[in-house]
Amino acid sequence: QLPSYPENGTIKFDYHFVIRSIISIAGTDSQYKPAGQL
């Protein structure tokens, strides 16, 4: 959903796939924080 990489805005993203759902099985969270955010 983002236009660019959160840590470096010069790295552009152009994905925009129709991802309808995600399933997390015993998923980790916050090991990575995009631009320091959740």
Full PDB file with SEQRES, HELIX, SHEET, SSBOND, CRYST1, ORIGX, SCALE, CONECT and MASTER records, all heavy atoms in Angstrom:
SEQRES   1 A   38  GLN LEU PRO SER TYR PRO GLU ASN GLY THR ILE LYS PHE          
SEQRES   2 A   38  ASP TYR HIS PHE VAL ILE ARG SER ILE ILE SER ILE ALA          
SEQRES   3 A   38  GLY THR ASP SER GLN TYR LYS PRO ALA GLY GLN LEU              
HELIX    1 AA1 PRO A   34  GLY A   36  5                                   3    
SHEET    1 AA1 2 SER A   4  TYR A   5  0                                        
SHEET    2 AA1 2 ASN A   8  LYS A  12 -1                                        
CRYST1    1.000    1.000    1.000  90.00  90.00  90.00 P 1           1          
ORIGX1      1.000000  0.000000  0.000000        0.00000                         
ORIGX2      0.000000  1.000000  0.000000        0.00000                         
ORIGX3      0.000000  0.000000  1.000000        0.00000                         
SCALE1      1.000000  0.000000  0.000000        0.00000                         
SCALE2      0.000000  1.000000  0.000000        0.00000                         
SCALE3      0.000000  0.000000  1.000000        0.00000                         
ATOM      1  N   GLN A   1       0.799  -1.226   0.000  1.00  0.00           N  
ATOM      2  CA  GLN A   1       0.000   0.000   0.000  1.00  0.00           C  
ATOM      3  C   GLN A   1       0.835   1.281   0.000  1.00  0.00           C  
ATOM      4  O   GLN A   1       0.293   2.363  -0.177  1.00  0.00           O  
ATOM      5  CB  GLN A   1      -0.912   0.010   1.238  1.00  0.00           C  
ATOM      6  CG  GLN A   1      -1.888  -1.138   1.282  1.00  0.00           C  
ATOM      7  CD  GLN A   1      -2.643  -1.222   2.600  1.00  0.00           C  
ATOM      8  OE1 GLN A   1      -2.332  -0.529   3.556  1.00  0.00           O  
ATOM      9  NE2 GLN A   1      -3.648  -2.083   2.641  1.00  0.00           N  
ATOM     10  N   LEU A   2       2.153   1.156   0.209  1.00  0.00           N  
ATOM     11  CA  LEU A   2       3.011   2.338   0.323  1.00  0.00           C  
ATOM     12  C   LEU A   2       3.615   2.742  -1.023  1.00  0.00           C  
ATOM     13  O   LEU A   2       3.895   1.886  -1.859  1.00  0.00           O  
ATOM     14  CB  LEU A   2       4.147   2.072   1.311  1.00  0.00           C  
ATOM     15  CG  LEU A   2       3.763   1.857   2.773  1.00  0.00           C  
ATOM     16  CD1 LEU A   2       5.005   1.577   3.611  1.00  0.00           C  
ATOM     17  CD2 LEU A   2       3.011   3.057   3.322  1.00  0.00           C  
ATOM     18  N   PRO A   3       3.885   4.039  -1.202  1.00  0.00           N  
ATOM     19  CA  PRO A   3       4.518   4.496  -2.440  1.00  0.00           C  
ATOM     20  C   PRO A   3       6.033   4.282  -2.457  1.00  0.00           C  
ATOM     21  O   PRO A   3       6.656   4.289  -3.517  1.00  0.00           O  
ATOM     22  CB  PRO A   3       4.190   5.991  -2.488  1.00  0.00           C  
ATOM     23  CG  PRO A   3       4.019   6.373  -1.053  1.00  0.00           C  
ATOM     24  CD  PRO A   3       3.447   5.155  -0.361  1.00  0.00           C  
ATOM     25  N   SER A   4       6.649   4.112  -1.253  1.00  0.00           N  
ATOM     26  CA  SER A   4       8.096   3.939  -1.193  1.00  0.00           C  
ATOM     27  C   SER A   4       8.487   3.228   0.105  1.00  0.00           C  
ATOM     28  O   SER A   4       7.685   3.097   1.029  1.00  0.00           O  
ATOM     29  CB  SER A   4       8.808   5.291  -1.287  1.00  0.00           C  
ATOM     30  OG  SER A   4       8.437   6.110  -0.208  1.00  0.00           O  
ATOM     31  N   TYR A   5       9.741   2.818   0.138  1.00  0.00           N  
ATOM     32  CA  TYR A   5      10.311   2.143   1.304  1.00  0.00           C  
ATOM     33  C   TYR A   5      10.319   3.110   2.484  1.00  0.00           C  
ATOM     34  O   TYR A   5      10.805   4.242   2.352  1.00  0.00           O  
ATOM     35  CB  TYR A   5      11.718   1.668   0.953  1.00  0.00           C  
ATOM     36  CG  TYR A   5      12.446   0.913   2.031  1.00  0.00           C  
ATOM     37  CD1 TYR A   5      11.893  -0.214   2.626  1.00  0.00           C  
ATOM     38  CD2 TYR A   5      13.712   1.315   2.446  1.00  0.00           C  
ATOM     39  CE1 TYR A   5      12.571  -0.910   3.601  1.00  0.00           C  
ATOM     40  CE2 TYR A   5      14.407   0.620   3.421  1.00  0.00           C  
ATOM     41  CZ  TYR A   5      13.827  -0.492   3.995  1.00  0.00           C  
ATOM     42  OH  TYR A   5      14.505  -1.189   4.971  1.00  0.00           O  
ATOM     43  N   PRO A   6       9.797   2.725   3.649  1.00  0.00           N  
ATOM     44  CA  PRO A   6       9.664   3.660   4.768  1.00  0.00           C  
ATOM     45  C   PRO A   6      10.982   4.266   5.254  1.00  0.00           C  
ATOM     46  O   PRO A   6      11.006   5.408   5.703  1.00  0.00           O  
ATOM     47  CB  PRO A   6       9.035   2.813   5.877  1.00  0.00           C  
ATOM     48  CG  PRO A   6       8.393   1.678   5.185  1.00  0.00           C  
ATOM     49  CD  PRO A   6       9.198   1.420   3.951  1.00  0.00           C  
ATOM     50  N   GLU A   7      12.079   3.526   5.153  1.00  0.00           N  
ATOM     51  CA  GLU A   7      13.363   4.025   5.631  1.00  0.00           C  
ATOM     52  C   GLU A   7      14.134   4.840   4.589  1.00  0.00           C  
ATOM     53  O   GLU A   7      15.138   5.467   4.914  1.00  0.00           O  
ATOM     54  CB  GLU A   7      14.250   2.866   6.109  1.00  0.00           C  
ATOM     55  CG  GLU A   7      13.927   2.368   7.498  1.00  0.00           C  
ATOM     56  CD  GLU A   7      12.602   1.636   7.593  1.00  0.00           C  
ATOM     57  OE1 GLU A   7      12.264   0.852   6.686  1.00  0.00           O  
ATOM     58  OE2 GLU A   7      11.890   1.876   8.563  1.00  0.00           O  
ATOM     59  N   ASN A   8      13.667   4.813   3.339  1.00  0.00           N  
ATOM     60  CA  ASN A   8      14.360   5.542   2.279  1.00  0.00           C  
ATOM     61  C   ASN A   8      13.362   5.842   1.169  1.00  0.00           C  
ATOM     62  O   ASN A   8      13.088   4.989   0.324  1.00  0.00           O  
ATOM     63  CB  ASN A   8      15.537   4.712   1.747  1.00  0.00           C  
ATOM     64  CG  ASN A   8      16.349   5.443   0.703  1.00  0.00           C  
ATOM     65  OD1 ASN A   8      15.906   6.435   0.118  1.00  0.00           O  
ATOM     66  ND2 ASN A   8      17.539   4.950   0.445  1.00  0.00           N  
ATOM     67  N   GLY A   9      12.835   7.039   1.151  1.00  0.00           N  
ATOM     68  CA  GLY A   9      11.800   7.427   0.201  1.00  0.00           C  
ATOM     69  C   GLY A   9      12.236   7.424  -1.253  1.00  0.00           C  
ATOM     70  O   GLY A   9      11.403   7.487  -2.150  1.00  0.00           O  
ATOM     71  N   THR A  10      13.536   7.340  -1.505  1.00  0.00           N  
ATOM     72  CA  THR A  10      14.000   7.289  -2.898  1.00  0.00           C  
ATOM     73  C   THR A  10      13.825   5.896  -3.504  1.00  0.00           C  
ATOM     74  O   THR A  10      13.930   5.740  -4.717  1.00  0.00           O  
ATOM     75  CB  THR A  10      15.483   7.706  -3.016  1.00  0.00           C  
ATOM     76  OG1 THR A  10      16.297   6.765  -2.312  1.00  0.00           O  
ATOM     77  CG2 THR A  10      15.699   9.102  -2.457  1.00  0.00           C  
ATOM     78  N   ILE A  11      13.561   4.895  -2.661  1.00  0.00           N  
ATOM     79  CA  ILE A  11      13.288   3.538  -3.162  1.00  0.00           C  
ATOM     80  C   ILE A  11      11.781   3.423  -3.342  1.00  0.00           C  
ATOM     81  O   ILE A  11      11.032   3.310  -2.371  1.00  0.00           O  
ATOM     82  CB  ILE A  11      13.820   2.457  -2.201  1.00  0.00           C  
ATOM     83  CG1 ILE A  11      15.328   2.619  -2.022  1.00  0.00           C  
ATOM     84  CG2 ILE A  11      13.467   1.066  -2.717  1.00  0.00           C  
ATOM     85  CD1 ILE A  11      15.932   1.726  -0.950  1.00  0.00           C  
ATOM     86  N   LYS A  12      11.336   3.517  -4.581  1.00  0.00           N  
ATOM     87  CA  LYS A  12       9.904   3.565  -4.880  1.00  0.00           C  
ATOM     88  C   LYS A  12       9.297   2.167  -4.937  1.00  0.00           C  
ATOM     89  O   LYS A  12       9.925   1.215  -5.389  1.00  0.00           O  
ATOM     90  CB  LYS A  12       9.660   4.274  -6.215  1.00  0.00           C  
ATOM     91  CG  LYS A  12      10.183   5.694  -6.259  1.00  0.00           C  
ATOM     92  CD  LYS A  12       9.518   6.575  -5.221  1.00  0.00           C  
ATOM     93  CE  LYS A  12      10.043   7.993  -5.274  1.00  0.00           C  
ATOM     94  NZ  LYS A  12       9.638   8.767  -4.116  1.00  0.00           N  
ATOM     95  N   PHE A  13       8.052   2.065  -4.477  1.00  0.00           N  
ATOM     96  CA  PHE A  13       7.260   0.843  -4.579  1.00  0.00           C  
ATOM     97  C   PHE A  13       6.151   1.092  -5.585  1.00  0.00           C  
ATOM     98  O   PHE A  13       5.575   2.183  -5.628  1.00  0.00           O  
ATOM     99  CB  PHE A  13       6.612   0.485  -3.236  1.00  0.00           C  
ATOM    100  CG  PHE A  13       7.558  -0.020  -2.178  1.00  0.00           C  
ATOM    101  CD1 PHE A  13       7.186   0.031  -0.844  1.00  0.00           C  
ATOM    102  CD2 PHE A  13       8.792  -0.548  -2.487  1.00  0.00           C  
ATOM    103  CE1 PHE A  13       8.014  -0.441   0.154  1.00  0.00           C  
ATOM    104  CE2 PHE A  13       9.643  -1.029  -1.501  1.00  0.00           C  
ATOM    105  CZ  PHE A  13       9.244  -0.969  -0.169  1.00  0.00           C  
ATOM    106  N   ASP A  14       5.830   0.082  -6.351  1.00  0.00           N  
ATOM    107  CA  ASP A  14       4.705   0.159  -7.279  1.00  0.00           C  
ATOM    108  C   ASP A  14       4.065  -1.222  -7.364  1.00  0.00           C  
ATOM    109  O   ASP A  14       4.093  -1.860  -8.399  1.00  0.00           O  
ATOM    110  CB  ASP A  14       5.172   0.626  -8.663  1.00  0.00           C  
ATOM    111  CG  ASP A  14       4.001   0.913  -9.594  1.00  0.00           C  
ATOM    112  OD1 ASP A  14       2.888   1.125  -9.083  1.00  0.00           O  
ATOM    113  OD2 ASP A  14       4.198   0.893 -10.814  1.00  0.00           O  
ATOM    114  N   TYR A  15       3.539  -1.670  -6.251  1.00  0.00           N  
ATOM    115  CA  TYR A  15       2.978  -3.024  -6.196  1.00  0.00           C  
ATOM    116  C   TYR A  15       1.468  -2.995  -6.413  1.00  0.00           C  
ATOM    117  O   TYR A  15       0.984  -3.379  -7.437  1.00  0.00           O  
ATOM    118  CB  TYR A  15       3.356  -3.696  -4.878  1.00  0.00           C  
ATOM    119  CG  TYR A  15       4.838  -3.958  -4.754  1.00  0.00           C  
ATOM    120  CD1 TYR A  15       5.611  -3.277  -3.824  1.00  0.00           C  
ATOM    121  CD2 TYR A  15       5.471  -4.872  -5.581  1.00  0.00           C  
ATOM    122  CE1 TYR A  15       6.978  -3.520  -3.711  1.00  0.00           C  
ATOM    123  CE2 TYR A  15       6.825  -5.119  -5.480  1.00  0.00           C  
ATOM    124  CZ  TYR A  15       7.566  -4.444  -4.543  1.00  0.00           C  
ATOM    125  OH  TYR A  15       8.913  -4.680  -4.436  1.00  0.00           O  
ATOM    126  N   HIS A  16       0.720  -2.562  -5.439  1.00  0.00           N  
ATOM    127  CA  HIS A  16      -0.738  -2.409  -5.532  1.00  0.00           C  
ATOM    128  C   HIS A  16      -1.452  -3.688  -5.962  1.00  0.00           C  
ATOM    129  O   HIS A  16      -2.355  -3.658  -6.791  1.00  0.00           O  
ATOM    130  CB  HIS A  16      -1.101  -1.251  -6.467  1.00  0.00           C  
ATOM    131  CG  HIS A  16      -0.365   0.006  -6.169  1.00  0.00           C  
ATOM    132  ND1 HIS A  16      -0.572   0.738  -5.025  1.00  0.00           N  
ATOM    133  CD2 HIS A  16       0.615   0.650  -6.851  1.00  0.00           C  
ATOM    134  CE1 HIS A  16       0.232   1.774  -5.012  1.00  0.00           C  
ATOM    135  NE2 HIS A  16       0.968   1.748  -6.105  1.00  0.00           N  
ATOM    136  N   PHE A  17      -1.058  -4.816  -5.395  1.00  0.00           N  
ATOM    137  CA  PHE A  17      -1.762  -6.071  -5.664  1.00  0.00           C  
ATOM    138  C   PHE A  17      -3.054  -6.102  -4.855  1.00  0.00           C  
ATOM    139  O   PHE A  17      -3.206  -5.385  -3.867  1.00  0.00           O  
ATOM    140  CB  PHE A  17      -0.883  -7.275  -5.288  1.00  0.00           C  
ATOM    141  CG  PHE A  17       0.329  -7.408  -6.149  1.00  0.00           C  
ATOM    142  CD1 PHE A  17       1.586  -7.108  -5.664  1.00  0.00           C  
ATOM    143  CD2 PHE A  17       0.217  -7.828  -7.468  1.00  0.00           C  
ATOM    144  CE1 PHE A  17       2.710  -7.230  -6.461  1.00  0.00           C  
ATOM    145  CE2 PHE A  17       1.330  -7.954  -8.279  1.00  0.00           C  
ATOM    146  CZ  PHE A  17       2.579  -7.651  -7.769  1.00  0.00           C  
ATOM    147  N   VAL A  18      -3.984  -6.932  -5.272  1.00  0.00           N  
ATOM    148  CA  VAL A  18      -5.251  -7.076  -4.551  1.00  0.00           C  
ATOM    149  C   VAL A  18      -5.084  -8.212  -3.540  1.00  0.00           C  
ATOM    150  O   VAL A  18      -5.482  -9.342  -3.778  1.00  0.00           O  
ATOM    151  CB  VAL A  18      -6.419  -7.345  -5.517  1.00  0.00           C  
ATOM    152  CG1 VAL A  18      -7.736  -7.401  -4.748  1.00  0.00           C  
ATOM    153  CG2 VAL A  18      -6.479  -6.272  -6.589  1.00  0.00           C  
ATOM    154  N   ILE A  19      -4.447  -7.877  -2.419  1.00  0.00           N  
ATOM    155  CA  ILE A  19      -4.267  -8.838  -1.328  1.00  0.00           C  
ATOM    156  C   ILE A  19      -5.493  -8.713  -0.438  1.00  0.00           C  
ATOM    157  O   ILE A  19      -5.697  -7.692   0.218  1.00  0.00           O  
ATOM    158  CB  ILE A  19      -2.975  -8.563  -0.544  1.00  0.00           C  
ATOM    159  CG1 ILE A  19      -1.756  -8.657  -1.478  1.00  0.00           C  
ATOM    160  CG2 ILE A  19      -2.842  -9.529   0.631  1.00  0.00           C  
ATOM    161  CD1 ILE A  19      -0.456  -8.209  -0.846  1.00  0.00           C  
ATOM    162  N   ARG A  20      -6.296  -9.745  -0.450  1.00  0.00           N  
ATOM    163  CA  ARG A  20      -7.559  -9.672   0.290  1.00  0.00           C  
ATOM    164  C   ARG A  20      -7.435 -10.071   1.746  1.00  0.00           C  
ATOM    165  O   ARG A  20      -8.181  -9.591   2.591  1.00  0.00           O  
ATOM    166  CB  ARG A  20      -8.595 -10.563  -0.383  1.00  0.00           C  
ATOM    167  CG  ARG A  20      -9.071 -10.021  -1.704  1.00  0.00           C  
ATOM    168  CD  ARG A  20     -10.238 -10.816  -2.182  1.00  0.00           C  
ATOM    169  NE  ARG A  20     -10.861 -10.181  -3.315  1.00  0.00           N  
ATOM    170  CZ  ARG A  20     -11.991 -10.588  -3.818  1.00  0.00           C  
ATOM    171  NH1 ARG A  20     -12.618 -11.614  -3.297  1.00  0.00           N  
ATOM    172  NH2 ARG A  20     -12.506  -9.965  -4.850  1.00  0.00           N  
ATOM    173  N   SER A  21      -6.511 -11.004   2.023  1.00  0.00           N  
ATOM    174  CA  SER A  21      -6.415 -11.480   3.401  1.00  0.00           C  
ATOM    175  C   SER A  21      -5.009 -11.958   3.708  1.00  0.00           C  
ATOM    176  O   SER A  21      -4.257 -12.343   2.811  1.00  0.00           O  
ATOM    177  CB  SER A  21      -7.408 -12.612   3.647  1.00  0.00           C  
ATOM    178  OG  SER A  21      -7.127 -13.715   2.807  1.00  0.00           O  
ATOM    179  N   ILE A  22      -4.685 -11.875   4.997  1.00  0.00           N  
ATOM    180  CA  ILE A  22      -3.443 -12.460   5.474  1.00  0.00           C  
ATOM    181  C   ILE A  22      -3.738 -13.300   6.715  1.00  0.00           C  
ATOM    182  O   ILE A  22      -4.658 -12.996   7.487  1.00  0.00           O  
ATOM    183  CB  ILE A  22      -2.359 -11.400   5.767  1.00  0.00           C  
ATOM    184  CG1 ILE A  22      -2.803 -10.390   6.805  1.00  0.00           C  
ATOM    185  CG2 ILE A  22      -1.945 -10.686   4.498  1.00  0.00           C  
ATOM    186  CD1 ILE A  22      -1.709  -9.402   7.195  1.00  0.00           C  
ATOM    187  N   ILE A  23      -2.955 -14.363   6.855  1.00  0.00           N  
ATOM    188  CA  ILE A  23      -3.086 -15.263   7.993  1.00  0.00           C  
ATOM    189  C   ILE A  23      -1.717 -15.372   8.650  1.00  0.00           C  
ATOM    190  O   ILE A  23      -0.733 -15.707   7.994  1.00  0.00           O  
ATOM    191  CB  ILE A  23      -3.586 -16.659   7.555  1.00  0.00           C  
ATOM    192  CG1 ILE A  23      -4.963 -16.535   6.899  1.00  0.00           C  
ATOM    193  CG2 ILE A  23      -3.619 -17.620   8.739  1.00  0.00           C  
ATOM    194  CD1 ILE A  23      -5.447 -17.801   6.223  1.00  0.00           C  
ATOM    195  N   SER A  24      -1.671 -15.079   9.933  1.00  0.00           N  
ATOM    196  CA  SER A  24      -0.438 -15.163  10.698  1.00  0.00           C  
ATOM    197  C   SER A  24      -0.551 -16.317  11.675  1.00  0.00           C  
ATOM    198  O   SER A  24      -1.442 -16.339  12.525  1.00  0.00           O  
ATOM    199  CB  SER A  24      -0.204 -13.846  11.451  1.00  0.00           C  
ATOM    200  OG  SER A  24       0.930 -13.944  12.270  1.00  0.00           O  
ATOM    201  N   ILE A  25       0.363 -17.288  11.547  1.00  0.00           N  
ATOM    202  CA  ILE A  25       0.374 -18.461  12.422  1.00  0.00           C  
ATOM    203  C   ILE A  25       1.549 -18.316  13.386  1.00  0.00           C  
ATOM    204  O   ILE A  25       2.701 -18.333  12.961  1.00  0.00           O  
ATOM    205  CB  ILE A  25       0.498 -19.762  11.612  1.00  0.00           C  
ATOM    206  CG1 ILE A  25      -0.626 -19.847  10.579  1.00  0.00           C  
ATOM    207  CG2 ILE A  25       0.514 -20.972  12.539  1.00  0.00           C  
ATOM    208  CD1 ILE A  25      -0.436 -20.923   9.531  1.00  0.00           C  
ATOM    209  N   ALA A  26       1.271 -18.134  14.661  1.00  0.00           N  
ATOM    210  CA  ALA A  26       2.305 -17.904  15.681  1.00  0.00           C  
ATOM    211  C   ALA A  26       3.274 -16.835  15.200  1.00  0.00           C  
ATOM    212  O   ALA A  26       4.488 -16.992  15.269  1.00  0.00           O  
ATOM    213  CB  ALA A  26       3.032 -19.206  16.027  1.00  0.00           C  
ATOM    214  N   GLY A  27       2.710 -15.754  14.693  1.00  0.00           N  
ATOM    215  CA  GLY A  27       3.516 -14.703  14.082  1.00  0.00           C  
ATOM    216  C   GLY A  27       4.225 -13.820  15.084  1.00  0.00           C  
ATOM    217  O   GLY A  27       3.714 -13.549  16.166  1.00  0.00           O  
ATOM    218  N   THR A  28       5.399 -13.388  14.689  1.00  0.00           N  
ATOM    219  CA  THR A  28       6.097 -12.370  15.478  1.00  0.00           C  
ATOM    220  C   THR A  28       5.523 -11.008  15.106  1.00  0.00           C  
ATOM    221  O   THR A  28       4.803 -10.870  14.119  1.00  0.00           O  
ATOM    222  CB  THR A  28       7.615 -12.400  15.200  1.00  0.00           C  
ATOM    223  OG1 THR A  28       7.842 -12.113  13.815  1.00  0.00           O  
ATOM    224  CG2 THR A  28       8.222 -13.735  15.577  1.00  0.00           C  
ATOM    225  N   ASP A  29       5.842 -10.011  15.891  1.00  0.00           N  
ATOM    226  CA  ASP A  29       5.416  -8.652  15.585  1.00  0.00           C  
ATOM    227  C   ASP A  29       6.419  -7.695  16.201  1.00  0.00           C  
ATOM    228  O   ASP A  29       6.991  -7.964  17.261  1.00  0.00           O  
ATOM    229  CB  ASP A  29       4.021  -8.371  16.147  1.00  0.00           C  
ATOM    230  CG  ASP A  29       3.508  -7.004  15.729  1.00  0.00           C  
ATOM    231  OD1 ASP A  29       3.405  -6.755  14.510  1.00  0.00           O  
ATOM    232  OD2 ASP A  29       3.241  -6.176  16.616  1.00  0.00           O  
ATOM    233  N   SER A  30       6.660  -6.604  15.526  1.00  0.00           N  
ATOM    234  CA  SER A  30       7.513  -5.508  15.999  1.00  0.00           C  
ATOM    235  C   SER A  30       8.994  -5.858  16.039  1.00  0.00           C  
ATOM    236  O   SER A  30       9.772  -5.129  16.660  1.00  0.00           O  
ATOM    237  CB  SER A  30       7.053  -5.006  17.369  1.00  0.00           C  
ATOM    238  OG  SER A  30       5.734  -4.529  17.290  1.00  0.00           O  
ATOM    239  N   GLN A  31       9.409  -6.955  15.402  1.00  0.00           N  
ATOM    240  CA  GLN A  31      10.849  -7.166  15.233  1.00  0.00           C  
ATOM    241  C   GLN A  31      11.374  -6.144  14.234  1.00  0.00           C  
ATOM    242  O   GLN A  31      12.543  -5.787  14.269  1.00  0.00           O  
ATOM    243  CB  GLN A  31      11.131  -8.590  14.761  1.00  0.00           C  
ATOM    244  CG  GLN A  31      10.898  -9.613  15.834  1.00  0.00           C  
ATOM    245  CD  GLN A  31      11.363 -11.000  15.423  1.00  0.00           C  
ATOM    246  OE1 GLN A  31      11.772 -11.237  14.293  1.00  0.00           O  
ATOM    247  NE2 GLN A  31      11.294 -11.925  16.353  1.00  0.00           N  
ATOM    248  N   TYR A  32      10.482  -5.706  13.355  1.00  0.00           N  
ATOM    249  CA  TYR A  32      10.784  -4.635  12.420  1.00  0.00           C  
ATOM    250  C   TYR A  32       9.696  -3.585  12.564  1.00  0.00           C  
ATOM    251  O   TYR A  32       8.505  -3.904  12.571  1.00  0.00           O  
ATOM    252  CB  TYR A  32      10.812  -5.163  10.981  1.00  0.00           C  
ATOM    253  CG  TYR A  32      10.739  -4.083   9.929  1.00  0.00           C  
ATOM    254  CD1 TYR A  32      11.746  -3.133   9.798  1.00  0.00           C  
ATOM    255  CD2 TYR A  32       9.659  -4.004   9.057  1.00  0.00           C  
ATOM    256  CE1 TYR A  32      11.678  -2.136   8.831  1.00  0.00           C  
ATOM    257  CE2 TYR A  32       9.579  -3.027   8.083  1.00  0.00           C  
ATOM    258  CZ  TYR A  32      10.588  -2.095   7.979  1.00  0.00           C  
ATOM    259  OH  TYR A  32      10.520  -1.113   7.021  1.00  0.00           O  
ATOM    260  N   LYS A  33      10.095  -2.337  12.703  1.00  0.00           N  
ATOM    261  CA  LYS A  33       9.154  -1.234  12.784  1.00  0.00           C  
ATOM    262  C   LYS A  33       9.437  -0.290  11.623  1.00  0.00           C  
ATOM    263  O   LYS A  33      10.460   0.400  11.618  1.00  0.00           O  
ATOM    264  CB  LYS A  33       9.280  -0.500  14.121  1.00  0.00           C  
ATOM    265  CG  LYS A  33       8.858  -1.348  15.305  1.00  0.00           C  
ATOM    266  CD  LYS A  33       8.962  -0.561  16.598  1.00  0.00           C  
ATOM    267  CE  LYS A  33       8.525  -1.432  17.761  1.00  0.00           C  
ATOM    268  NZ  LYS A  33       8.631  -0.712  19.031  1.00  0.00           N  
ATOM    269  N   PRO A  34       8.552  -0.247  10.621  1.00  0.00           N  
ATOM    270  CA  PRO A  34       8.752   0.634   9.464  1.00  0.00           C  
ATOM    271  C   PRO A  34       8.855   2.094   9.889  1.00  0.00           C  
ATOM    272  O   PRO A  34       7.938   2.623  10.508  1.00  0.00           O  
ATOM    273  CB  PRO A  34       7.510   0.385   8.596  1.00  0.00           C  
ATOM    274  CG  PRO A  34       6.898  -0.871   9.122  1.00  0.00           C  
ATOM    275  CD  PRO A  34       7.311  -0.999  10.540  1.00  0.00           C  
ATOM    276  N   ALA A  35       9.992   2.703   9.583  1.00  0.00           N  
ATOM    277  CA  ALA A  35      10.261   4.097   9.959  1.00  0.00           C  
ATOM    278  C   ALA A  35      10.040   4.316  11.456  1.00  0.00           C  
ATOM    279  O   ALA A  35       9.595   5.376  11.881  1.00  0.00           O  
ATOM    280  CB  ALA A  35       9.418   5.061   9.131  1.00  0.00           C  
ATOM    281  N   GLY A  36      10.326   3.277  12.260  1.00  0.00           N  
ATOM    282  CA  GLY A  36      10.195   3.370  13.708  1.00  0.00           C  
ATOM    283  C   GLY A  36       8.779   3.263  14.222  1.00  0.00           C  
ATOM    284  O   GLY A  36       8.529   3.458  15.412  1.00  0.00           O  
ATOM    285  N   GLN A  37       7.816   2.952  13.347  1.00  0.00           N  
ATOM    286  CA  GLN A  37       6.402   2.869  13.726  1.00  0.00           C  
ATOM    287  C   GLN A  37       5.943   1.412  13.711  1.00  0.00           C  
ATOM    288  O   GLN A  37       6.533   0.570  13.058  1.00  0.00           O  
ATOM    289  CB  GLN A  37       5.547   3.670  12.735  1.00  0.00           C  
ATOM    290  CG  GLN A  37       5.948   5.120  12.598  1.00  0.00           C  
ATOM    291  CD  GLN A  37       5.783   5.895  13.886  1.00  0.00           C  
ATOM    292  OE1 GLN A  37       4.733   5.825  14.513  1.00  0.00           O  
ATOM    293  NE2 GLN A  37       6.803   6.629  14.283  1.00  0.00           N  
ATOM    294  N   LEU A  38       4.855   1.140  14.405  1.00  0.00           N  
ATOM    295  CA  LEU A  38       4.257  -0.184  14.341  1.00  0.00           C  
ATOM    296  C   LEU A  38       3.691  -0.427  12.942  1.00  0.00           C  
ATOM    297  O   LEU A  38       3.355   0.524  12.232  1.00  0.00           O  
ATOM    298  CB  LEU A  38       3.141  -0.324  15.381  1.00  0.00           C  
ATOM    299  CG  LEU A  38       3.580  -0.243  16.844  1.00  0.00           C  
ATOM    300  CD1 LEU A  38       2.357  -0.258  17.756  1.00  0.00           C  
ATOM    301  CD2 LEU A  38       4.512  -1.385  17.186  1.00  0.00           C  
TER     302      LEU A  38                                                      
MASTER        0    0    0    1    2    0    0    6  301    1    0    3          
END                                                                             
